PDB file of N, CA and C in Angstrom:
ATOM      1  N   ALA A   1       0.963  -0.998  -0.103  1.00  0.00           N
ATOM      2  CA  ALA A   1      -0.063   0.009   0.140  1.00  0.00           C
ATOM      3  C   ALA A   1       0.997   0.935   0.093  1.00  0.00           C
ATOM      4  N   SER A   2       0.856   2.332  -0.605  1.00  0.00           N
ATOM      5  CA  SER A   2       1.428   3.303  -0.898  1.00  0.00           C
ATOM      6  C   SER A   2       0.747   4.480  -0.287  1.00  0.00           C
ATOM      7  N   GLY A   3       1.483   5.267   0.212  1.00  0.00           N
ATOM      8  CA  GLY A   3       0.931   6.738   0.956  1.00  0.00           C
ATOM      9  C   GLY A   3       1.064   7.881   0.000  1.00  0.00           C
ATOM     10  N   GLY A   4       1.463   7.511  -1.158  1.00  0.00           N
ATOM     11  CA  GLY A   4       1.311   8.463  -2.214  1.00  0.00           C
ATOM     12  C   GLY A   4       2.507   9.693  -1.923  1.00  0.00           C
ATOM     13  N   LEU A   5       2.855  10.224  -3.008  1.00  0.00           N
ATOM     14  CA  LEU A   5       3.823  11.371  -2.909  1.00  0.00           C
ATOM     15  C   LEU A   5       3.376  12.710  -2.091  1.00  0.00           C
ATOM     16  N   ARG A   6       4.099  12.999  -1.188  1.00  0.00           N
ATOM     17  CA  ARG A   6       3.975  14.202  -0.377  1.00  0.00           C
ATOM     18  C   ARG A   6       4.781  15.217  -0.450  1.00  0.00           C
ATOM     19  N   ARG A   7       4.378  16.502  -0.236  1.00  0.00           N
ATOM     20  CA  ARG A   7       5.385  17.585  -0.035  1.00  0.00           C
ATOM     21  C   ARG A   7       5.475  17.932   1.588  1.00  0.00           C
ATOM     22  N   VAL A   8       6.714  18.059   2.099  1.00  0.00           N
ATOM     23  CA  VAL A   8       6.662  18.424   3.636  1.00  0.00           C
ATOM     24  C   VAL A   8       7.810  19.473   3.471  1.00  0.00           C
ATOM     25  N   VAL A   9       7.761  20.361   4.670  1.00  0.00           N
ATOM     26  CA  VAL A   9       8.698  21.422   4.668  1.00  0.00           C
ATOM     27  C   VAL A   9       9.463  20.966   6.222  1.00  0.00           C
ATOM     28  N   VAL A  10      10.867  20.776   6.313  1.00  0.00           N
ATOM     29  CA  VAL A  10      11.519  20.700   7.429  1.00  0.00           C
ATOM     30  C   VAL A  10      11.869  22.288   7.639  1.00  0.00           C
ATOM     31  N   PRO A  11      11.621  22.641   8.786  1.00  0.00           N
ATOM     32  CA  PRO A  11      11.932  24.228   9.063  1.00  0.00           C
ATOM     33  C   PRO A  11      13.504  24.545   8.971  1.00  0.00           C
ATOM     34  N   ALA A  12      13.815  25.495   9.012  1.00  0.00           N
ATOM     35  CA  ALA A  12      15.073  26.190   9.589  1.00  0.00           C
ATOM     36  C   ALA A  12      15.108  25.746  11.024  1.00  0.00           C
ATOM     37  N   ARG A  13      16.391  25.152  11.395  1.00  0.00           N
ATOM     38  CA  ARG A  13      16.740  24.985  12.843  1.00  0.00           C
ATOM     39  C   ARG A  13      15.673  23.936  13.299  1.00  0.00           C
ATOM     40  N   GLY A  14      15.050  22.965  12.187  1.00  0.00           N
ATOM     41  CA  GLY A  14      13.923  21.998  12.904  1.00  0.00           C
ATOM     42  C   GLY A  14      14.154  20.858  12.293  1.00  0.00           C
ATOM     43  N   GLN A  15      13.167  19.867  12.645  1.00  0.00           N
ATOM     44  CA  GLN A  15      13.247  18.667  12.203  1.00  0.00           C
ATOM     45  C   GLN A  15      11.767  18.186  11.805  1.00  0.00           C
ATOM     46  N   HIS A  16      11.703  17.406  10.933  1.00  0.00           N
ATOM     47  CA  HIS A  16      10.464  16.621  10.562  1.00  0.00           C
ATOM     48  C   HIS A  16      10.532  15.161  10.709  1.00  0.00           C
ATOM     49  N   THR A  17       9.687  14.412  11.513  1.00  0.00           N
ATOM     50  CA  THR A  17       9.642  12.856  11.818  1.00  0.00           C
ATOM     51  C   THR A  17       8.304  12.367  11.227  1.00  0.00           C
ATOM     52  N   GLU A  18       8.551  11.172  10.806  1.00  0.00           N
ATOM     53  CA  GLU A  18       7.451  10.460  10.342  1.00  0.00           C
ATOM     54  C   GLU A  18       7.672   9.116  11.323  1.00  0.00           C
ATOM     55  N   ARG A  19       6.652   8.610  11.859  1.00  0.00           N
ATOM     56  CA  ARG A  19       6.545   7.634  12.694  1.00  0.00           C
ATOM     57  C   ARG A  19       5.576   6.369  12.065  1.00  0.00           C
ATOM     58  N   ILE A  20       6.210   5.289  11.899  1.00  0.00           N
ATOM     59  CA  ILE A  20       5.239   4.498  10.889  1.00  0.00           C
ATOM     60  C   ILE A  20       5.126   3.097  11.956  1.00  0.00           C
ATOM     61  N   ASP A  21       3.783   2.922  12.297  1.00  0.00           N
ATOM     62  CA  ASP A  21       3.388   1.786  12.896  1.00  0.00           C
ATOM     63  C   ASP A  21       3.506   0.366  12.242  1.00  0.00           C
ATOM     64  N   MET A  22       4.530  -0.545  12.912  1.00  0.00           N
ATOM     65  CA  MET A  22       4.822  -1.697  12.471  1.00  0.00           C
ATOM     66  C   MET A  22       4.509  -3.099  13.368  1.00  0.00           C
ATOM     67  N   SER A  23       3.436  -2.562  14.306  1.00  0.00           N
ATOM     68  CA  SER A  23       2.672  -3.651  15.129  1.00  0.00           C
ATOM     69  C   SER A  23       1.747  -4.424  14.293  1.00  0.00           C
ATOM     70  N   PRO A  24       1.535  -5.533  14.594  1.00  0.00           N
ATOM     71  CA  PRO A  24       0.482  -6.558  13.828  1.00  0.00           C
ATOM     72  C   PRO A  24      -0.848  -5.848  13.542  1.00  0.00           C
ATOM     73  N   ALA A  25      -1.385  -4.886  14.761  1.00  0.00           N
ATOM     74  CA  ALA A  25      -2.521  -4.484  14.475  1.00  0.00           C
ATOM     75  C   ALA A  25      -2.303  -3.122  13.301  1.00  0.00           C
ATOM     76  N   GLY A  26      -1.088  -2.357  13.172  1.00  0.00           N
ATOM     77  CA  GLY A  26      -0.996  -1.394  12.369  1.00  0.00           C
ATOM     78  C   GLY A  26      -0.646  -2.005  10.893  1.00  0.00           C
ATOM     79  N   CYS A  27      -0.369  -3.567  10.595  1.00  0.00           N
ATOM     80  CA  CYS A  27       0.267  -3.623   9.376  1.00  0.00           C
ATOM     81  C   CYS A  27      -0.709  -4.621   8.910  1.00  0.00           C
ATOM     82  N   LYS A  28      -1.410  -4.172   7.580  1.00  0.00           N
ATOM     83  CA  LYS A  28      -2.414  -5.213   6.860  1.00  0.00           C
ATOM     84  C   LYS A  28      -1.642  -6.594   6.727  1.00  0.00           C
ATOM     85  N   ALA A  29      -2.462  -7.704   6.690  1.00  0.00           N
ATOM     86  CA  ALA A  29      -2.047  -8.827   6.196  1.00  0.00           C
ATOM     87  C   ALA A  29      -0.644  -9.036   7.293  1.00  0.00           C
ATOM     88  N   GLY A  30      -0.195  -8.798   8.146  1.00  0.00           N
ATOM     89  CA  GLY A  30       1.325  -9.060   8.773  1.00  0.00           C
ATOM     90  C   GLY A  30       2.511  -8.351   8.005  1.00  0.00           C
ATOM     91  N   ALA A  31       2.169  -7.644   7.113  1.00  0.00           N
ATOM     92  CA  ALA A  31       3.133  -7.113   6.603  1.00  0.00           C
ATOM     93  C   ALA A  31       3.962  -6.325   7.156  1.00  0.00           C
ATOM     94  N   LYS A  32       5.356  -6.092   7.415  1.00  0.00           N
ATOM     95  CA  LYS A  32       6.375  -5.770   8.079  1.00  0.00           C
ATOM     96  C   LYS A  32       7.026  -5.075   7.430  1.00  0.00           C
ATOM     97  N   ARG A  33       7.224  -4.767   6.177  1.00  0.00           N
ATOM     98  CA  ARG A  33       8.115  -4.000   5.441  1.00  0.00           C
ATOM     99  C   ARG A  33       7.536  -2.589   4.937  1.00  0.00           C
ATOM    100  N   VAL A  34       8.651  -1.643   5.365  1.00  0.00           N
ATOM    101  CA  VAL A  34       8.500  -0.322   4.880  1.00  0.00           C
ATOM    102  C   VAL A  34       9.528   0.316   3.789  1.00  0.00           C
ATOM    103  N   SER A  35       9.152   0.910   2.854  1.00  0.00           N
ATOM    104  CA  SER A  35      10.105   1.436   2.013  1.00  0.00           C
ATOM    105  C   SER A  35      10.023   2.955   1.687  1.00  0.00           C
ATOM    106  N   TRP A  36      10.834   3.595   1.597  1.00  0.00           N
ATOM    107  CA  TRP A  36      10.731   5.371   1.514  1.00  0.00           C
ATOM    108  C   TRP A  36      11.689   5.755   0.296  1.00  0.00           C
ATOM    109  N   ALA A  37      11.336   6.670  -0.422  1.00  0.00           N
ATOM    110  CA  ALA A  37      11.916   7.479  -1.108  1.00  0.00           C
ATOM    111  C   ALA A  37      11.597   8.892  -0.913  1.00  0.00           C
ATOM    112  N   PHE A  38      12.547   9.737  -1.252  1.00  0.00           N
ATOM    113  CA  PHE A  38      12.589  11.098  -1.157  1.00  0.00           C
ATOM    114  C   PHE A  38      13.327  11.955  -1.757  1.00  0.00           C
ATOM    115  N   GLN A  39      13.242  13.241  -2.390  1.00  0.00           N
ATOM    116  CA  GLN A  39      14.205  14.313  -2.917  1.00  0.00           C
ATOM    117  C   GLN A  39      14.023  15.475  -2.249  1.00  0.00           C
ATOM    118  N   VAL A  40      15.173  15.980  -2.022  1.00  0.00           N
ATOM    119  CA  VAL A  40      15.125  17.413  -1.483  1.00  0.00           C
ATOM    120  C   VAL A  40      15.114  18.401  -2.545  1.00  0.00           C
ATOM    121  N   ASP A  41      14.280  19.518  -2.090  1.00  0.00           N
ATOM    122  CA  ASP A  41      14.286  20.507  -3.349  1.00  0.00           C
ATOM    123  C   ASP A  41      15.687  21.322  -3.411  1.00  0.00           C
ATOM    124  N   THR A  42      16.025  21.809  -2.585  1.00  0.00           N
ATOM    125  CA  THR A  42      17.266  22.708  -2.621  1.00  0.00           C
ATOM    126  C   THR A  42      17.963  22.264  -1.573  1.00  0.00           C
ATOM    127  N   GLY A  43      19.377  22.639  -1.641  1.00  0.00           N
ATOM    128  CA  GLY A  43      20.545  22.411  -0.732  1.00  0.00           C
ATOM    129  C   GLY A  43      20.495  20.975  -0.228  1.00  0.00           C
ATOM    130  N   ASP A  44      20.250  20.772   1.183  1.00  0.00           N
ATOM    131  CA  ASP A  44      20.639  19.434   1.675  1.00  0.00           C
ATOM    132  C   ASP A  44      19.993  19.174   2.993  1.00  0.00           C
ATOM    133  N   VAL A  45      19.664  18.121   3.802  1.00  0.00           N
ATOM    134  CA  VAL A  45      18.838  17.915   4.594  1.00  0.00           C
ATOM    135  C   VAL A  45      19.491  16.484   5.061  1.00  0.00           C
ATOM    136  N   GLY A  46      19.823  16.344   6.635  1.00  0.00           N
ATOM    137  CA  GLY A  46      20.010  15.330   7.290  1.00  0.00           C
ATOM    138  C   GLY A  46      19.130  14.170   7.523  1.00  0.00           C
ATOM    139  N   PHE A  47      19.219  13.069   7.260  1.00  0.00           N
ATOM    140  CA  PHE A  47      18.193  12.043   7.463  1.00  0.00           C
ATOM    141  C   PHE A  47      18.812  10.758   8.158  1.00  0.00           C
ATOM    142  N   VAL A  48      18.014  10.129   9.119  1.00  0.00           N
ATOM    143  CA  VAL A  48      18.180   9.162   9.893  1.00  0.00           C
ATOM    144  C   VAL A  48      17.027   8.387  10.060  1.00  0.00           C
ATOM    145  N   ALA A  49      17.170   6.891   9.945  1.00  0.00           N
ATOM    146  CA  ALA A  49      15.959   6.011  10.224  1.00  0.00           C
ATOM    147  C   ALA A  49      16.300   4.859  11.476  1.00  0.00           C
ATOM    148  N   ALA A  50      15.263   4.808  12.259  1.00  0.00           N
ATOM    149  CA  ALA A  50      15.497   3.680  13.291  1.00  0.00           C
ATOM    150  C   ALA A  50      14.251   2.975  13.555  1.00  0.00           C
ATOM    151  N   PHE A  51      14.497   1.729  14.387  1.00  0.00           N
ATOM    152  CA  PHE A  51      13.233   0.849  14.616  1.00  0.00           C
ATOM    153  C   PHE A  51      13.296   0.619  15.918  1.00  0.00           C
ATOM    154  N   ILE A  52      11.933   0.961  16.741  1.00  0.00           N
ATOM    155  CA  ILE A  52      11.785   0.811  18.011  1.00  0.00           C
ATOM    156  C   ILE A  52      10.942  -0.531  18.460  1.00  0.00           C
ATOM    157  N   PRO A  53      11.656  -1.529  18.758  1.00  0.00           N
ATOM    158  CA  PRO A  53      10.695  -2.726  18.861  1.00  0.00           C
ATOM    159  C   PRO A  53       9.966  -2.346  20.103  1.00  0.00           C
ATOM    160  N   GLU A  54       8.725  -3.282  20.038  1.00  0.00           N
ATOM    161  CA  GLU A  54       7.327  -3.129  20.925  1.00  0.00           C
ATOM    162  C   GLU A  54       8.043  -3.366  22.251  1.00  0.00           C
ATOM    163  N   GLY A  55       7.871  -2.508  23.381  1.00  0.00           N
ATOM    164  CA  GLY A  55       8.037  -2.830  24.830  1.00  0.00           C
ATOM    165  C   GLY A  55       9.669  -2.276  25.070  1.00  0.00           C
ATOM    166  N   SER A  56       9.939  -1.688  23.943  1.00  0.00           N
ATOM    167  CA  SER A  56      11.467  -1.181  24.347  1.00  0.00           C
ATOM    168  C   SER A  56      11.372   0.445  23.884  1.00  0.00           C
ATOM    169  N   VAL A  57      12.514   0.808  24.481  1.00  0.00           N
ATOM    170  CA  VAL A  57      12.763   2.518  24.474  1.00  0.00           C
ATOM    171  C   VAL A  57      13.998   2.662  23.619  1.00  0.00           C
ATOM    172  N   ARG A  58      14.637   1.407  23.567  1.00  0.00           N
ATOM    173  CA  ARG A  58      16.187   1.838  22.796  1.00  0.00           C
ATOM    174  C   ARG A  58      15.763   1.479  21.113  1.00  0.00           C
ATOM    175  N   PRO A  59      15.993   2.762  20.398  1.00  0.00           N
ATOM    176  CA  PRO A  59      15.895   2.294  19.177  1.00  0.00           C
ATOM    177  C   PRO A  59      17.218   1.550  18.337  1.00  0.00           C
ATOM    178  N   THR A  60      16.621   0.688  17.286  1.00  0.00           N
ATOM    179  CA  THR A  60      18.199  -0.044  16.541  1.00  0.00           C
ATOM    180  C   THR A  60      18.255   0.587  15.423  1.00  0.00           C
ATOM    181  N   PRO A  61      19.542   1.212  15.083  1.00  0.00           N
ATOM    182  CA  PRO A  61      19.907   2.020  13.913  1.00  0.00           C
ATOM    183  C   PRO A  61      19.348   0.997  12.916  1.00  0.00           C
ATOM    184  N   VAL A  62      18.791   1.819  11.622  1.00  0.00           N
ATOM    185  CA  VAL A  62      18.272   1.370  10.474  1.00  0.00           C
ATOM    186  C   VAL A  62      19.154   1.980   9.396  1.00  0.00           C
ATOM    187  N   GLN A  63      19.357   3.103   9.548  1.00  0.00           N
ATOM    188  CA  GLN A  63      20.116   3.991   8.486  1.00  0.00           C
ATOM    189  C   GLN A  63      20.970   5.057   9.213  1.00  0.00           C
ATOM    190  N   PRO A  64      22.121   5.220   9.378  1.00  0.00           N
ATOM    191  CA  PRO A  64      23.030   6.269  10.017  1.00  0.00           C
ATOM    192  C   PRO A  64      22.584   7.438   9.496  1.00  0.00           C
ATOM    193  N   PHE A  65      22.974   8.538  10.276  1.00  0.00           N
ATOM    194  CA  PHE A  65      22.594  10.043   9.915  1.00  0.00           C
ATOM    195  C   PHE A  65      23.373  10.327   8.705  1.00  0.00           C
ATOM    196  N   THR A  66      22.765  10.816   7.625  1.00  0.00           N
ATOM    197  CA  THR A  66      23.625  10.852   6.357  1.00  0.00           C
ATOM    198  C   THR A  66      22.870  12.240   5.879  1.00  0.00           C
ATOM    199  N   ARG A  67      23.876  13.105   5.334  1.00  0.00           N
ATOM    200  CA  ARG A  67      23.653  14.491   4.630  1.00  0.00           C
ATOM    201  C   ARG A  67      23.224  14.089   3.125  1.00  0.00           C
ATOM    202  N   CYS A  68      21.909  14.289   2.819  1.00  0.00           N
ATOM    203  CA  CYS A  68      21.111  14.086   1.719  1.00  0.00           C
ATOM    204  C   CYS A  68      21.062  15.147   0.804  1.00  0.00           C
ATOM    205  N   ARG A  69      21.584  15.111  -0.276  1.00  0.00           N
ATOM    206  CA  ARG A  69      21.890  16.405  -1.300  1.00  0.00           C
ATOM    207  C   ARG A  69      20.569  16.664  -2.059  1.00  0.00           C
ATOM    208  N   ASN A  70      20.328  17.700  -2.694  1.00  0.00           N
ATOM    209  CA  ASN A  70      19.298  17.873  -3.405  1.00  0.00           C
ATOM    210  C   ASN A  70      19.660  17.317  -5.142  1.00  0.00           C
ATOM    211  N   ARG A  71      18.460  16.941  -5.997  1.00  0.00           N
ATOM    212  CA  ARG A  71      18.188  16.693  -7.390  1.00  0.00           C
ATOM    213  C   ARG A  71      18.685  15.140  -7.253  1.00  0.00           C
ATOM    214  N   ARG A  72      18.835  14.478  -6.010  1.00  0.00           N
ATOM    215  CA  ARG A  72      19.244  12.895  -6.156  1.00  0.00           C
ATOM    216  C   ARG A  72      17.863  12.116  -5.569  1.00  0.00           C
ATOM    217  N   LEU A  73      17.730  11.073  -6.160  1.00  0.00           N
ATOM    218  CA  LEU A  73      16.227  10.434  -5.194  1.00  0.00           C
ATOM    219  C   LEU A  73      17.415   9.677  -3.925  1.00  0.00           C
ATOM    220  N   HIS A  74      16.889   9.348  -2.961  1.00  0.00           N
ATOM    221  CA  HIS A  74      17.306   8.735  -1.888  1.00  0.00           C
ATOM    222  C   HIS A  74      16.100   7.813  -1.384  1.00  0.00           C
ATOM    223  N   GLU A  75      16.581   6.606  -1.459  1.00  0.00           N
ATOM    224  CA  GLU A  75      15.801   5.808  -1.064  1.00  0.00           C
ATOM    225  C   GLU A  75      16.254   4.621  -0.041  1.00  0.00           C
ATOM    226  N   GLY A  76      15.587   3.899   0.633  1.00  0.00           N
ATOM    227  CA  GLY A  76      15.652   2.780   1.497  1.00  0.00           C
ATOM    228  C   GLY A  76      14.710   1.748   2.077  1.00  0.00           C
ATOM    229  N   SER A  77      14.556   0.894   2.684  1.00  0.00           N
ATOM    230  CA  SER A  77      13.708   0.015   3.173  1.00  0.00           C
ATOM    231  C   SER A  77      14.060  -0.730   4.329  1.00  0.00           C
ATOM    232  N   TYR A  78      13.047  -1.217   5.143  1.00  0.00           N
ATOM    233  CA  TYR A  78      13.304  -1.890   6.189  1.00  0.00           C
ATOM    234  C   TYR A  78      12.153  -3.008   6.492  1.00  0.00           C
ATOM    235  N   GLU A  79      12.507  -4.240   6.600  1.00  0.00           N
ATOM    236  CA  GLU A  79      12.022  -5.352   7.101  1.00  0.00           C
ATOM    237  C   GLU A  79      12.106  -5.644   8.520  1.00  0.00           C
ATOM    238  N   ALA A  80      10.886  -5.510   9.523  1.00  0.00           N
ATOM    239  CA  ALA A  80      10.661  -5.907  10.762  1.00  0.00           C
ATOM    240  C   ALA A  80      10.770  -7.346  11.142  1.00  0.00           C
ATOM    241  N   SER A  81      11.480  -7.781  12.075  1.00  0.00           N
ATOM    242  CA  SER A  81      11.286  -9.110  12.152  1.00  0.00           C
ATOM    243  C   SER A  81      10.236  -9.290  13.695  1.00  0.00           C
ATOM    244  N   SER A  82       9.997  -8.286  14.322  1.00  0.00           N
ATOM    245  CA  SER A  82       8.824  -8.176  15.064  1.00  0.00           C
ATOM    246  C   SER A  82       8.241  -6.754  14.979  1.00  0.00           C
ATOM    247  N   GLY A  83       7.192  -6.499  15.766  1.00  0.00           N
ATOM    248  CA  GLY A  83       6.441  -5.622  15.745  1.00  0.00           C
ATOM    249  C   GLY A  83       7.081  -4.191  16.636  1.00  0.00           C
ATOM    250  N   GLY A  84       6.583  -2.994  16.140  1.00  0.00           N
ATOM    251  CA  GLY A  84       7.323  -2.023  16.731  1.00  0.00           C
ATOM    252  C   GLY A  84       7.019  -0.841  15.833  1.00  0.00           C
ATOM    253  N   ALA A  85       7.985   0.413  15.884  1.00  0.00           N
ATOM    254  CA  ALA A  85       7.827   1.460  15.160  1.00  0.00           C
ATOM    255  C   ALA A  85       8.910   1.880  14.373  1.00  0.00           C
ATOM    256  N   LEU A  86       8.702   2.379  13.034  1.00  0.00           N
ATOM    257  CA  LEU A  86      10.125   3.029  12.462  1.00  0.00           C
ATOM    258  C   LEU A  86       9.995   4.120  12.385  1.00  0.00           C
ATOM    259  N   THR A  87      11.024   4.862  12.914  1.00  0.00           N
ATOM    260  CA  THR A  87      10.802   6.734  12.611  1.00  0.00           C
ATOM    261  C   THR A  87      11.914   6.947  11.628  1.00  0.00           C
ATOM    262  N   LEU A  88      11.554   7.947  10.752  1.00  0.00           N
ATOM    263  CA  LEU A  88      12.115   8.356   9.748  1.00  0.00           C
ATOM    264  C   LEU A  88      12.223  10.068  10.332  1.00  0.00           C
ATOM    265  N   ARG A  89      13.204  10.534  10.349  1.00  0.00           N
ATOM    266  CA  ARG A  89      13.777  11.886  10.387  1.00  0.00           C
ATOM    267  C   ARG A  89      14.701  12.709   9.754  1.00  0.00           C
ATOM    268  N   TRP A  90      14.164  13.830   9.343  1.00  0.00           N
ATOM    269  CA  TRP A  90      14.733  14.740   8.437  1.00  0.00           C
ATOM    270  C   TRP A  90      15.012  15.792   9.387  1.00  0.00           C
ATOM    271  N   ASP A  91      16.427  16.236   9.356  1.00  0.00           N
ATOM    272  CA  ASP A  91      17.085  17.319  10.346  1.00  0.00           C
ATOM    273  C   ASP A  91      17.625  18.361   9.410  1.00  0.00           C
ATOM    274  N   ASN A  92      17.042  19.554   9.676  1.00  0.00           N
ATOM    275  CA  ASN A  92      17.550  20.896   9.044  1.00  0.00           C
ATOM    276  C   ASN A  92      17.996  21.783  10.144  1.00  0.00           C
ATOM    277  N   SER A  93      18.352  21.152  11.557  1.00  0.00           N
ATOM    278  CA  SER A  93      18.585  22.209  12.405  1.00  0.00           C
ATOM    279  C   SER A  93      19.911  23.034  12.113  1.00  0.00           C
ATOM    280  N   TYR A  94      20.704  22.603  11.201  1.00  0.00           N
ATOM    281  CA  TYR A  94      22.094  23.307  10.959  1.00  0.00           C
ATOM    282  C   TYR A  94      21.862  24.492  10.134  1.00  0.00           C
ATOM    283  N   SER A  95      20.729  24.735   9.518  1.00  0.00           N
ATOM    284  CA  SER A  95      20.347  25.723   8.593  1.00  0.00           C
ATOM    285  C   SER A  95      19.608  26.797   9.596  1.00  0.00           C
ATOM    286  N   ARG A  96      20.145  28.087   9.507  1.00  0.00           N
ATOM    287  CA  ARG A  96      19.726  29.164  10.404  1.00  0.00           C
ATOM    288  C   ARG A  96      18.637  29.930   9.825  1.00  0.00           C
ATOM    289  N   LEU A  97      18.643  29.806   8.587  1.00  0.00           N
ATOM    290  CA  LEU A  97      17.620  30.692   7.846  1.00  0.00           C
ATOM    291  C   LEU A  97      16.800  30.061   6.721  1.00  0.00           C
ATOM    292  N   ARG A  98      16.904  28.764   6.189  1.00  0.00           N
ATOM    293  CA  ARG A  98      16.372  27.998   4.904  1.00  0.00           C
ATOM    294  C   ARG A  98      15.416  27.003   5.401  1.00  0.00           C
ATOM    295  N   ASN A  99      14.222  27.045   5.205  1.00  0.00           N
ATOM    296  CA  ASN A  99      13.146  25.951   5.260  1.00  0.00           C
ATOM    297  C   ASN A  99      13.979  25.078   3.942  1.00  0.00           C
ATOM    298  N   LYS A 100      13.626  23.618   4.268  1.00  0.00           N
ATOM    299  CA  LYS A 100      13.897  22.952   3.110  1.00  0.00           C
ATOM    300  C   LYS A 100      12.747  21.997   2.659  1.00  0.00           C
ATOM    301  N   GLY A 101      12.408  22.038   1.570  1.00  0.00           N
ATOM    302  CA  GLY A 101      11.543  21.121   0.872  1.00  0.00           C
ATOM    303  C   GLY A 101      11.763  19.796   0.604  1.00  0.00           C
ATOM    304  N   ILE A 102      10.972  18.882   0.766  1.00  0.00           N
ATOM    305  CA  ILE A 102      11.256  17.600   0.363  1.00  0.00           C
ATOM    306  C   ILE A 102       9.857  16.790  -0.034  1.00  0.00           C
ATOM    307  N   VAL A 103       9.992  15.868  -1.207  1.00  0.00           N
ATOM    308  CA  VAL A 103       8.876  15.304  -1.589  1.00  0.00           C
ATOM    309  C   VAL A 103       9.238  13.674  -1.207  1.00  0.00           C
ATOM    310  N   LEU A 104       8.376  13.077  -0.604  1.00  0.00           N
ATOM    311  CA  LEU A 104       8.673  11.844   0.015  1.00  0.00           C
ATOM    312  C   LEU A 104       7.491  11.091  -0.391  1.00  0.00           C
ATOM    313  N   ASP A 105       7.618   9.558  -0.433  1.00  0.00           N
ATOM    314  CA  ASP A 105       6.734   8.415  -0.757  1.00  0.00           C
ATOM    315  C   ASP A 105       7.007   7.466   0.369  1.00  0.00           C
ATOM    316  N   ILE A 106       6.196   6.879   1.168  1.00  0.00           N
ATOM    317  CA  ILE A 106       6.385   5.993   2.061  1.00  0.00           C
ATOM    318  C   ILE A 106       5.257   4.848   1.570  1.00  0.00           C
ATOM    319  N   LYS A 107       6.121   3.803   1.744  1.00  0.00           N
ATOM    320  CA  LYS A 107       5.346   2.490   1.232  1.00  0.00           C
ATOM    321  C   LYS A 107       5.180   1.377   2.238  1.00  0.00           C
ATOM    322  N   LYS A 108       4.103   0.933   2.592  1.00  0.00           N
ATOM    323  CA  LYS A 108       3.996  -0.160   3.623  1.00  0.00           C
ATOM    324  C   LYS A 108       3.443  -1.023   3.309  1.00  0.00           C
ATOM    325  N   GLY A 109       4.095  -2.547   3.561  1.00  0.00           N
ATOM    326  CA  GLY A 109       3.229  -3.707   2.966  1.00  0.00           C
ATOM    327  C   GLY A 109       4.327  -4.357   2.361  1.00  0.00           C
TER     328      GLY A 109
END
């Protein structure tokens, strides 16, 4: 199932976080795979992905912090072996003045 293309703004000195429920109740037919793709409009933005298993507060790294530049498609995926939540975070905290626009697609299933 696709979430469809969306445009989000990561504010200057700020972050944008997407939390995807991968618990059995949150996944259709027990699917525990999430894939993502995004493109930054101008400049660059930091990106990190982590999985938090149910019953835990300690995140498991999925993709380490990476500076993602514009005009490139950035893609990734994660398949959970147990229920939990996947967090995708875009970081623009190092930019004092400029908001960063990203176009993203998150697919679950």
